[in-house]
Amino acid sequence: MTAYKDLSVEELKSLKSELEKEFAEVKARNLKLDMSRGKPSQAQLDLSMGMMDVLSSKANLYCEEGVDCRNYGVLDGIREAKRLLSDMSEVPKENIVIFGNSSLNLMYDTVARSMTHGVMGSTPWCKLDKVKFLCPVPGYDRHFAITEHFGIEMINVPMTDEGPDMDMVEELVSSDESIKGIWCVPKYSNPQGITYSDRTVRRFARLKPAAKDFRIYWDNAYCIHHLYEDKQDYLIEILMACKQEGNPDMVYKFCSTSKVSFPGSGIAAIAASTANLEAIRKQMQIQTIGHDKLNQLRHARFYGNIHGMVQHMRKHAEILRPKFEAVLDCLEKELKGLEIGSWIRPRGGYFISFDSLEGCAKAIVAKAKEAGVVMTPAGATFPYGKDPKDSNIRIAPSFPTPEELAEAAKIFVLSVKLVSIDKILGEKNG
C-alpha cells in the first residue's frame, strides 16, 4: 500500500470521497458499540458462575484458622485466600494482606493513608508544600485520577518497549525529595501491553530515592492474564528484587481477581515488606474489623489453588484471543503501510494501544462516535487527560461480541483514514 503522505492532493480527495460514502453507509445503520473500557464480556463472567454454588446454607463456613467466616475476626485475610493470592503474586504468604473487592480502592486507600498519616512514621504528605508522582505514559487513567484527586503533581515519564524511561526515573527520583511515588502496570501494561524487561525491574530495585517515603506502586493487574499458551511474557518479582538490592521497603505490590472472577466482587491484596505491612495493619485496625471472609472463602474453594486459577485463565484467553486478533488483523489489513498509525501486538492484558498521526486522536474518537462506536476519550491515558501529541487511543476489545467487534474495528479504521487524510491535505495545502 502507498503511504498517504505520498499521494497527490487529487488522489487524496478522490480517496476521501470514496471513504466518506462508505462511512455514511455505516453511520446510517445506527449502531451502538462500546469499546470504551476493559470490561469482561458476559461469556467471561459466565466462567465463574460455579462460584455462586460453592457456599450454601449447608456449607462448612469455617476457615483453616478455625474462625467462622460469618463472624468478626481475621483482620488481614483468611489463610487459604492469602495462599491463593500470594501464589498469584509470587510472594510469600507472610508478605500479603487481603483487603476488599477492589485493588483500585486499595490503591486509593494507600495514597490516602500516606496523605493523612505519612509512610512508616514520615511526615504526612498533606503537611508538605509539594508532593509529586511519576506517571509512565501512556498509562492507566484511574491511577492518574487518584493522584489528581489528592492534588499531587504528576510528571509524565515516556514508556519505551522495555518499560518506563529509567534514565529519567533514576534522575528524578534521586534528585527530588518531593517525588513520593511512581505508578506502574509492569505486566501487559495498560494500554500498551508492554512487560517491563529484566533490566528495567532491576533498575527499579536499585533506585536511590531522595525521599525516604518514596514507594513504587506496582499494580500487577494482569499478572496471569496471558492471551497465548506458547507466548507468555515473564516479569521479575519486584519484592525479592528490592530486598536483594537492600531496598525491601520501597514497593507496594497490588493485585486482585477483578478480571479473574467477578469485577467488583473479587478479592484484592497488597504485598509488601514486613515493616510496611506492620504500619498498614495498625491503620487497618482502626478502619475495619475485617473484610468479607465469605467472599475470600468462596474464591479459595472455587479455584482450589493457583493451578486451578491458571486453568481458569486459559478459558478467559480462549474468549479474548480471537477478539484481540480480529482487531489487530483489521489494523494490519487496512492500515499497514499507510503510515498513518502504529500499534503494538500484546501477548496479554486487556488493551490495544494505537498511536495516530500527531493531532488526530481526539478527532478519530469523535468520528468513530458519529458512527456509533464509543471509545475511551482521547487523552485519558495521560495525566489530566492531556496527551501532548494528541495521538494515543486505547482500544478495549473485551466487552463486545465478535460480530460487534468486527463492525467496530471497521468503523475505527475508516475514522483513522478520514481524519488522517484531512490532516495530510491540510499540510499539503498549507
Protein backbone atom coordinates (compact mmCIF):
# COMPACT_ATOMS: atom_id res chain seq x y z
CA MET A 1 0.00 0.00 0.00
CA THR A 2 1.14 3.53 -0.75
CA ALA A 3 1.65 5.82 2.21
CA TYR A 4 -0.98 8.55 2.33
CA LYS A 5 1.67 11.27 2.53
CA ASP A 6 3.00 10.13 -0.87
CA LEU A 7 -0.38 10.56 -2.59
CA SER A 8 -1.17 13.70 -4.55
CA VAL A 9 -3.85 16.16 -3.41
CA GLU A 10 -6.16 14.90 -6.17
CA GLU A 11 -5.62 11.26 -5.18
CA LEU A 12 -6.31 12.06 -1.50
CA LYS A 13 -9.51 13.94 -2.37
CA SER A 14 -10.74 11.07 -4.52
CA LEU A 15 -9.94 8.55 -1.78
CA LYS A 16 -11.67 10.73 0.81
CA SER A 17 -14.83 10.85 -1.32
CA GLU A 18 -14.92 7.03 -1.52
CA LEU A 19 -14.33 6.61 2.20
CA GLU A 20 -17.00 9.18 3.09
CA LYS A 21 -19.58 7.19 1.13
CA GLU A 22 -18.57 4.04 2.99
CA PHE A 23 -18.71 5.89 6.33
CA ALA A 24 -22.19 7.29 5.54
CA GLU A 25 -23.48 3.76 4.87
CA VAL A 26 -22.17 2.52 8.21
CA LYS A 27 -23.48 5.58 10.03
CA ALA A 28 -26.97 5.03 8.61
CA ARG A 29 -27.15 1.69 10.42
CA ASN A 30 -27.38 3.49 13.80
CA LEU A 31 -25.04 1.04 15.54
CA LYS A 32 -24.31 1.21 19.28
CA LEU A 33 -20.95 -0.40 20.03
CA ASP A 34 -18.81 0.02 23.16
CA MET A 35 -15.01 -0.28 23.18
CA SER A 36 -14.55 2.26 25.98
CA ARG A 37 -13.43 0.18 28.97
CA GLY A 38 -11.74 -3.13 29.67
CA LYS A 39 -14.84 -4.90 30.91
CA PRO A 40 -15.09 -8.69 30.75
CA SER A 41 -17.84 -9.95 28.46
CA GLN A 42 -20.83 -11.98 29.58
CA ALA A 43 -19.13 -15.14 28.32
CA GLN A 44 -16.18 -14.42 30.63
CA LEU A 45 -18.42 -13.68 33.62
CA ASP A 46 -20.23 -16.97 32.99
CA LEU A 47 -16.94 -18.83 33.56
CA SER A 48 -17.14 -18.04 37.28
CA MET A 49 -20.82 -18.83 37.86
CA GLY A 50 -19.85 -22.04 39.65
CA MET A 51 -18.51 -19.85 42.43
CA MET A 52 -22.11 -18.99 43.32
CA ASP A 53 -22.68 -22.65 44.21
CA VAL A 54 -19.57 -23.13 46.36
CA LEU A 55 -21.22 -21.86 49.54
CA SER A 56 -24.75 -22.78 50.60
CA SER A 57 -26.77 -22.75 53.80
CA LYS A 58 -25.42 -26.25 54.49
CA ALA A 59 -21.74 -25.43 53.78
CA ASN A 60 -18.96 -25.55 56.36
CA LEU A 61 -18.15 -21.86 56.73
CA TYR A 62 -15.10 -22.22 58.97
CA CYS A 63 -11.73 -21.23 57.50
CA GLU A 64 -8.44 -23.00 58.18
CA GLU A 65 -7.82 -20.82 61.26
CA GLY A 66 -11.00 -22.30 62.76
CA VAL A 67 -12.84 -18.97 62.56
CA ASP A 68 -16.49 -18.82 61.49
CA CYS A 69 -16.36 -16.70 58.32
CA ARG A 70 -19.84 -15.35 59.06
CA ASN A 71 -18.47 -13.55 62.11
CA TYR A 72 -15.83 -10.98 63.04
CA GLY A 73 -12.15 -11.86 63.05
CA VAL A 74 -9.03 -12.43 60.92
CA LEU A 75 -8.14 -8.83 60.11
CA ASP A 76 -5.74 -9.39 57.23
CA GLY A 77 -7.35 -12.28 55.35
CA ILE A 78 -8.03 -15.98 55.86
CA ARG A 79 -5.13 -18.36 55.34
CA GLU A 80 -6.48 -20.06 52.21
CA ALA A 81 -7.15 -16.71 50.47
CA LYS A 82 -3.67 -15.50 51.40
CA ARG A 83 -2.16 -18.66 49.94
CA LEU A 84 -4.12 -18.23 46.69
CA LEU A 85 -3.24 -14.56 46.13
CA SER A 86 0.34 -14.90 47.35
CA ASP A 87 0.88 -17.61 44.73
CA MET A 88 -0.81 -15.40 42.16
CA SER A 89 1.54 -12.54 43.17
CA GLU A 90 4.61 -14.80 43.50
CA VAL A 91 5.34 -13.64 47.08
CA PRO A 92 5.45 -15.46 50.45
CA LYS A 93 2.04 -15.52 52.16
CA GLU A 94 3.60 -13.72 55.14
CA ASN A 95 4.07 -10.70 52.87
CA ILE A 96 0.47 -10.31 51.78
CA VAL A 97 -2.67 -8.77 53.28
CA ILE A 98 -6.11 -9.41 51.82
CA PHE A 99 -8.42 -6.40 51.54
CA GLY A 100 -11.85 -5.93 49.98
CA ASN A 101 -13.21 -6.30 46.48
CA SER A 102 -11.04 -3.86 44.52
CA SER A 103 -7.34 -3.14 44.05
CA LEU A 104 -8.25 0.36 42.84
CA ASN A 105 -9.93 1.00 46.20
CA LEU A 106 -6.81 -0.37 47.90
CA MET A 107 -4.51 1.93 45.92
CA TYR A 108 -6.72 4.91 46.75
CA ASP A 109 -6.60 3.98 50.45
CA THR A 110 -2.81 3.60 50.31
CA VAL A 111 -2.39 7.10 48.89
CA ALA A 112 -4.97 8.45 51.38
CA ARG A 113 -3.11 6.90 54.34
CA SER A 114 0.11 8.49 53.12
CA MET A 115 -1.62 11.87 52.83
CA THR A 116 -3.12 11.82 56.32
CA HIS A 117 -0.63 9.81 58.38
CA GLY A 118 2.54 9.51 56.32
CA VAL A 119 4.52 6.40 55.40
CA MET A 120 6.07 4.43 58.27
CA GLY A 121 6.48 7.47 60.52
CA SER A 122 7.34 10.05 57.85
CA THR A 123 5.65 13.45 57.61
CA PRO A 124 2.07 13.17 56.32
CA TRP A 125 2.02 14.31 52.71
CA CYS A 126 -0.79 16.78 53.44
CA LYS A 127 1.68 18.76 55.59
CA LEU A 128 4.25 19.09 52.81
CA ASP A 129 4.44 22.04 50.43
CA LYS A 130 4.64 19.82 47.37
CA VAL A 131 4.03 16.14 46.59
CA LYS A 132 4.80 14.66 43.16
CA PHE A 133 4.26 11.32 41.41
CA LEU A 134 5.89 9.92 38.30
CA CYS A 135 3.44 8.67 35.70
CA PRO A 136 4.61 6.41 32.85
CA VAL A 137 2.67 7.42 29.73
CA PRO A 138 0.54 6.29 28.12
CA GLY A 139 -0.85 4.76 31.30
CA TYR A 140 -3.91 3.87 33.37
CA ASP A 141 -6.40 6.75 33.66
CA ARG A 142 -7.73 5.64 37.05
CA HIS A 143 -4.23 5.77 38.57
CA PHE A 144 -3.91 9.35 37.40
CA ALA A 145 -7.37 10.18 38.72
CA ILE A 146 -6.33 9.14 42.25
CA THR A 147 -3.24 11.35 42.38
CA GLU A 148 -5.09 14.25 40.74
CA HIS A 149 -7.88 13.90 43.33
CA PHE A 150 -5.37 14.42 46.16
CA GLY A 151 -3.73 17.40 44.46
CA ILE A 152 -0.50 15.51 43.77
CA GLU A 153 1.55 16.93 40.88
CA MET A 154 2.03 14.35 38.13
CA ILE A 155 5.12 14.16 35.93
CA ASN A 156 5.00 12.32 32.61
CA VAL A 157 7.63 9.63 32.03
CA PRO A 158 7.69 8.20 28.47
CA MET A 159 7.24 4.46 28.04
CA THR A 160 9.76 2.50 25.97
CA ASP A 161 9.44 -1.08 24.73
CA GLU A 162 11.19 -2.16 27.98
CA GLY A 163 9.00 -0.10 30.33
CA PRO A 164 9.37 3.46 31.67
CA ASP A 165 12.37 5.57 30.61
CA MET A 166 14.59 4.55 33.54
CA ASP A 167 17.25 7.20 32.87
CA MET A 168 14.57 9.80 33.56
CA VAL A 169 13.11 7.87 36.53
CA GLU A 170 16.53 7.46 38.19
CA GLU A 171 17.46 11.10 37.71
CA LEU A 172 14.16 12.50 39.03
CA VAL A 173 13.77 10.11 41.98
CA SER A 174 17.33 10.65 43.20
CA SER A 175 17.26 14.44 42.94
CA ASP A 176 13.79 15.50 44.09
CA GLU A 177 12.63 14.73 47.64
CA SER A 178 9.06 15.79 46.80
CA ILE A 179 8.67 12.79 44.44
CA LYS A 180 6.92 10.21 46.62
CA GLY A 181 5.87 7.53 44.17
CA ILE A 182 5.53 6.14 40.68
CA TRP A 183 2.56 4.33 39.13
CA CYS A 184 3.45 1.08 37.36
CA VAL A 185 1.48 -1.58 35.46
CA PRO A 186 4.51 -3.80 34.90
CA LYS A 187 2.99 -6.75 33.05
CA TYR A 188 0.92 -6.33 29.89
CA SER A 189 0.73 -2.63 30.72
CA ASN A 190 -2.42 -0.58 30.34
CA PRO A 191 -2.79 0.38 27.50
CA GLN A 192 0.26 -0.78 25.51
CA GLY A 193 0.57 -4.39 26.66
CA ILE A 194 4.29 -3.92 27.41
CA THR A 195 6.00 -6.06 30.07
CA TYR A 196 8.92 -4.47 31.89
CA SER A 197 12.26 -6.05 30.94
CA ASP A 198 14.57 -7.73 33.48
CA ARG A 199 16.89 -4.74 33.20
CA THR A 200 14.08 -2.28 33.94
CA VAL A 201 12.89 -4.19 37.02
CA ARG A 202 16.44 -4.41 38.38
CA ARG A 203 16.92 -0.68 37.84
CA PHE A 204 13.70 -0.08 39.78
CA ALA A 205 15.02 -2.24 42.62
CA ARG A 206 18.31 -0.27 42.68
CA LEU A 207 16.70 3.19 42.86
CA LYS A 208 18.20 5.61 45.36
CA PRO A 209 15.28 7.91 46.21
CA ALA A 210 15.89 11.29 47.78
CA ALA A 211 12.63 10.76 49.71
CA LYS A 212 12.72 8.08 52.42
CA ASP A 213 8.97 7.62 51.96
CA PHE A 214 9.19 7.04 48.20
CA ARG A 215 7.22 3.98 47.08
CA ILE A 216 6.81 2.12 43.80
CA TYR A 217 3.07 1.50 43.27
CA TRP A 218 3.38 -1.82 41.41
CA ASP A 219 -0.11 -2.59 40.08
CA ASN A 220 0.30 -6.14 38.80
CA ALA A 221 -3.26 -6.19 37.48
CA TYR A 222 -2.55 -8.58 34.57
CA CYS A 223 -0.06 -10.95 36.20
CA ILE A 224 -1.82 -14.11 34.94
CA HIS A 225 -3.76 -12.59 32.05
CA HIS A 226 -2.00 -14.24 29.11
CA LEU A 227 -3.57 -14.48 25.66
CA TYR A 228 -1.38 -17.35 24.43
CA GLU A 229 -0.19 -20.65 25.86
CA ASP A 230 3.09 -20.64 23.95
CA LYS A 231 3.89 -16.89 24.03
CA GLN A 232 3.84 -15.55 27.58
CA ASP A 233 5.80 -12.62 28.97
CA TYR A 234 7.95 -13.10 32.07
CA LEU A 235 8.32 -10.48 34.80
CA ILE A 236 10.93 -10.47 37.58
CA GLU A 237 9.32 -10.45 41.04
CA ILE A 238 9.82 -6.92 42.37
CA LEU A 239 9.63 -7.54 46.15
CA MET A 240 12.51 -10.03 46.06
CA ALA A 241 14.48 -7.82 43.65
CA CYS A 242 14.15 -4.83 46.02
CA LYS A 243 15.13 -6.98 49.01
CA GLN A 244 18.23 -8.23 47.19
CA GLU A 245 19.26 -4.64 46.45
CA GLY A 246 18.83 -3.51 50.06
CA ASN A 247 15.56 -1.68 49.39
CA PRO A 248 12.97 -4.05 50.96
CA ASP A 249 10.51 -1.31 51.90
CA MET A 250 10.43 0.55 48.58
CA VAL A 251 7.49 -1.20 46.89
CA TYR A 252 3.76 -1.74 47.31
CA LYS A 253 2.55 -4.55 45.07
CA PHE A 254 -1.18 -4.76 44.27
CA CYS A 255 -3.32 -7.48 42.71
CA SER A 256 -6.94 -8.58 42.55
CA THR A 257 -9.24 -11.15 40.98
CA SER A 258 -11.37 -8.45 39.30
CA LYS A 259 -10.72 -9.81 35.80
CA VAL A 260 -10.36 -13.38 37.04
CA SER A 261 -13.69 -13.88 38.80
CA PHE A 262 -16.26 -11.06 39.05
CA PRO A 263 -15.26 -7.39 38.65
CA GLY A 264 -16.45 -5.53 41.73
CA SER A 265 -16.97 -8.79 43.60
CA GLY A 266 -13.47 -10.22 43.66
CA ILE A 267 -10.77 -10.05 46.30
CA ALA A 268 -7.79 -7.69 46.34
CA ALA A 269 -4.45 -7.77 48.12
CA ILE A 270 -1.33 -5.77 48.84
CA ALA A 271 2.09 -7.40 49.07
CA ALA A 272 4.91 -5.54 50.80
CA SER A 273 7.76 -5.87 53.27
CA THR A 274 7.16 -6.87 56.89
CA ALA A 275 7.76 -3.29 58.05
CA ASN A 276 5.33 -1.84 55.51
CA LEU A 277 2.63 -4.36 56.41
CA GLU A 278 3.01 -3.69 60.14
CA ALA A 279 2.30 0.00 59.51
CA ILE A 280 -0.62 -0.84 57.24
CA ARG A 281 -2.18 -3.26 59.75
CA LYS A 282 -2.06 -0.61 62.51
CA GLN A 283 -4.26 1.66 60.41
CA MET A 284 -6.45 -1.24 59.27
CA GLN A 285 -7.34 -1.96 62.90
CA ILE A 286 -8.96 1.47 63.07
CA GLN A 287 -10.61 1.22 59.66
CA THR A 288 -12.18 -2.25 59.80
CA ILE A 289 -12.65 -5.37 61.88
CA GLY A 290 -12.08 -7.44 58.77
CA HIS A 291 -13.07 -7.69 55.13
CA ASP A 292 -15.58 -10.09 53.55
CA LYS A 293 -14.31 -13.52 54.62
CA LEU A 294 -17.19 -15.34 52.96
CA ASN A 295 -16.07 -13.95 49.62
CA GLN A 296 -12.47 -14.94 50.39
CA LEU A 297 -13.62 -18.45 51.30
CA ARG A 298 -15.74 -18.72 48.15
CA HIS A 299 -12.78 -17.77 45.93
CA ALA A 300 -10.35 -20.11 47.69
CA ARG A 301 -12.69 -23.10 47.44
CA PHE A 302 -13.72 -22.40 43.84
CA TYR A 303 -10.15 -22.25 42.47
CA GLY A 304 -8.61 -24.65 44.96
CA ASN A 305 -5.09 -23.37 44.32
CA ILE A 306 -3.05 -21.38 41.83
CA HIS A 307 -3.18 -24.28 39.34
CA GLY A 308 -6.97 -24.07 39.32
CA MET A 309 -6.74 -20.33 38.75
CA VAL A 310 -4.29 -20.77 35.85
CA GLN A 311 -6.63 -23.30 34.22
CA HIS A 312 -9.48 -20.83 34.68
CA MET A 313 -7.47 -18.07 32.98
CA ARG A 314 -6.90 -20.31 29.98
CA LYS A 315 -10.67 -20.26 29.46
CA HIS A 316 -10.61 -16.46 29.58
CA ALA A 317 -7.84 -16.44 26.98
CA GLU A 318 -9.87 -18.64 24.63
CA ILE A 319 -12.61 -15.99 24.67
CA LEU A 320 -10.33 -12.95 24.49
CA ARG A 321 -7.72 -14.11 21.99
CA PRO A 322 -9.99 -14.14 18.89
CA LYS A 323 -11.25 -10.66 19.78
CA PHE A 324 -7.75 -9.21 20.03
CA GLU A 325 -6.72 -10.92 16.84
CA ALA A 326 -9.80 -9.65 14.99
CA VAL A 327 -8.91 -6.04 15.83
CA LEU A 328 -5.19 -6.48 15.20
CA ASP A 329 -5.75 -8.28 11.91
CA CYS A 330 -8.07 -5.46 10.81
CA LEU A 331 -5.44 -2.87 11.67
CA GLU A 332 -2.79 -4.87 9.78
CA LYS A 333 -5.00 -5.38 6.72
CA GLU A 334 -6.39 -1.86 6.48
CA LEU A 335 -3.65 0.42 7.81
CA LYS A 336 -0.27 -1.30 7.36
CA GLY A 337 1.95 0.67 5.00
CA LEU A 338 -0.25 3.78 5.01
CA GLU A 339 1.97 5.43 7.64
CA ILE A 340 -1.00 6.95 9.47
CA GLY A 341 -0.80 4.94 12.68
CA SER A 342 1.15 2.41 14.72
CA TRP A 343 0.19 -0.21 17.28
CA ILE A 344 1.62 -2.95 19.48
CA ARG A 345 0.50 -6.59 19.34
CA PRO A 346 0.25 -7.57 23.03
CA ARG A 347 0.60 -11.08 24.45
CA GLY A 348 -1.79 -10.42 27.32
CA GLY A 349 -3.75 -7.86 29.27
CA TYR A 350 -6.91 -6.08 28.16
CA PHE A 351 -5.99 -3.36 25.69
CA ILE A 352 -4.52 -2.44 22.34
CA SER A 353 -2.71 0.89 22.15
CA PHE A 354 -2.96 2.82 18.88
CA ASP A 355 -0.92 5.91 18.01
CA SER A 356 -2.31 8.09 15.25
CA LEU A 357 -0.67 10.94 13.40
CA GLU A 358 0.04 13.80 15.79
CA GLY A 359 -3.03 15.93 16.49
CA CYS A 360 -5.56 13.34 15.29
CA ALA A 361 -6.60 11.20 18.27
CA LYS A 362 -9.49 13.35 19.52
CA ALA A 363 -10.85 13.75 16.01
CA ILE A 364 -10.66 9.97 15.37
CA VAL A 365 -12.52 9.14 18.59
CA ALA A 366 -15.17 11.77 17.75
CA LYS A 367 -15.51 10.42 14.21
CA ALA A 368 -15.99 6.85 15.45
CA LYS A 369 -18.65 8.09 17.87
CA GLU A 370 -20.54 9.61 14.94
CA ALA A 371 -20.96 6.08 13.59
CA GLY A 372 -21.94 4.59 16.97
CA VAL A 373 -18.61 3.38 18.40
CA VAL A 374 -17.85 4.63 21.91
CA MET A 375 -14.15 4.59 22.82
CA THR A 376 -12.05 5.75 25.76
CA PRO A 377 -11.70 9.54 25.45
CA ALA A 378 -8.52 10.58 23.67
CA GLY A 379 -6.04 11.86 26.23
CA ALA A 380 -7.34 9.61 29.02
CA THR A 381 -4.08 7.65 29.03
CA PHE A 382 -2.21 10.78 30.20
CA PRO A 383 -2.35 12.76 33.46
CA TYR A 384 -5.01 15.48 33.48
CA GLY A 385 -6.39 13.97 30.26
CA LYS A 386 -3.81 15.88 28.23
CA ASP A 387 -1.88 13.94 25.60
CA PRO A 388 0.80 16.43 24.40
CA LYS A 389 0.78 14.88 20.93
CA ASP A 390 -2.97 14.10 20.80
CA SER A 391 -2.09 10.74 19.26
CA ASN A 392 -2.76 7.87 21.71
CA ILE A 393 -6.02 5.90 21.61
CA ARG A 394 -6.82 2.95 23.88
CA ILE A 395 -8.82 0.15 22.25
CA ALA A 396 -10.68 -2.24 24.58
CA PRO A 397 -11.76 -5.39 22.67
CA SER A 398 -13.04 -7.48 25.60
CA PHE A 399 -16.69 -6.46 26.02
CA PRO A 400 -18.28 -6.54 22.52
CA THR A 401 -19.31 -9.79 20.85
CA PRO A 402 -17.05 -10.97 17.99
CA GLU A 403 -19.66 -9.76 15.49
CA GLU A 404 -19.86 -6.32 17.12
CA LEU A 405 -16.09 -6.16 17.26
CA ALA A 406 -15.76 -6.72 13.51
CA GLU A 407 -18.12 -3.78 12.92
CA ALA A 408 -16.38 -1.58 15.48
CA ALA A 409 -12.92 -2.27 14.04
CA LYS A 410 -14.16 -1.42 10.55
CA ILE A 411 -15.58 1.91 11.79
CA PHE A 412 -12.38 2.67 13.68
CA VAL A 413 -10.09 2.20 10.66
CA LEU A 414 -12.48 4.26 8.50
CA SER A 415 -12.27 7.03 11.09
CA VAL A 416 -8.47 6.83 11.17
CA LYS A 417 -8.27 7.05 7.39
CA LEU A 418 -10.66 10.00 7.06
CA VAL A 419 -9.11 12.09 9.84
CA SER A 420 -5.58 11.32 8.60
CA ILE A 421 -6.46 12.38 5.05
CA ASP A 422 -7.81 15.69 6.37
CA LYS A 423 -4.58 16.31 8.28
CA ILE A 424 -2.35 15.46 5.31
CA LEU A 425 -4.48 17.55 2.93
CA GLY A 426 -4.22 20.44 5.36
CA GLU A 427 -0.43 20.12 5.39
CA LYS A 428 -0.20 19.83 1.59
CA ASN A 429 -2.48 22.84 1.09
CA GLY A 430 -0.84 24.77 3.93
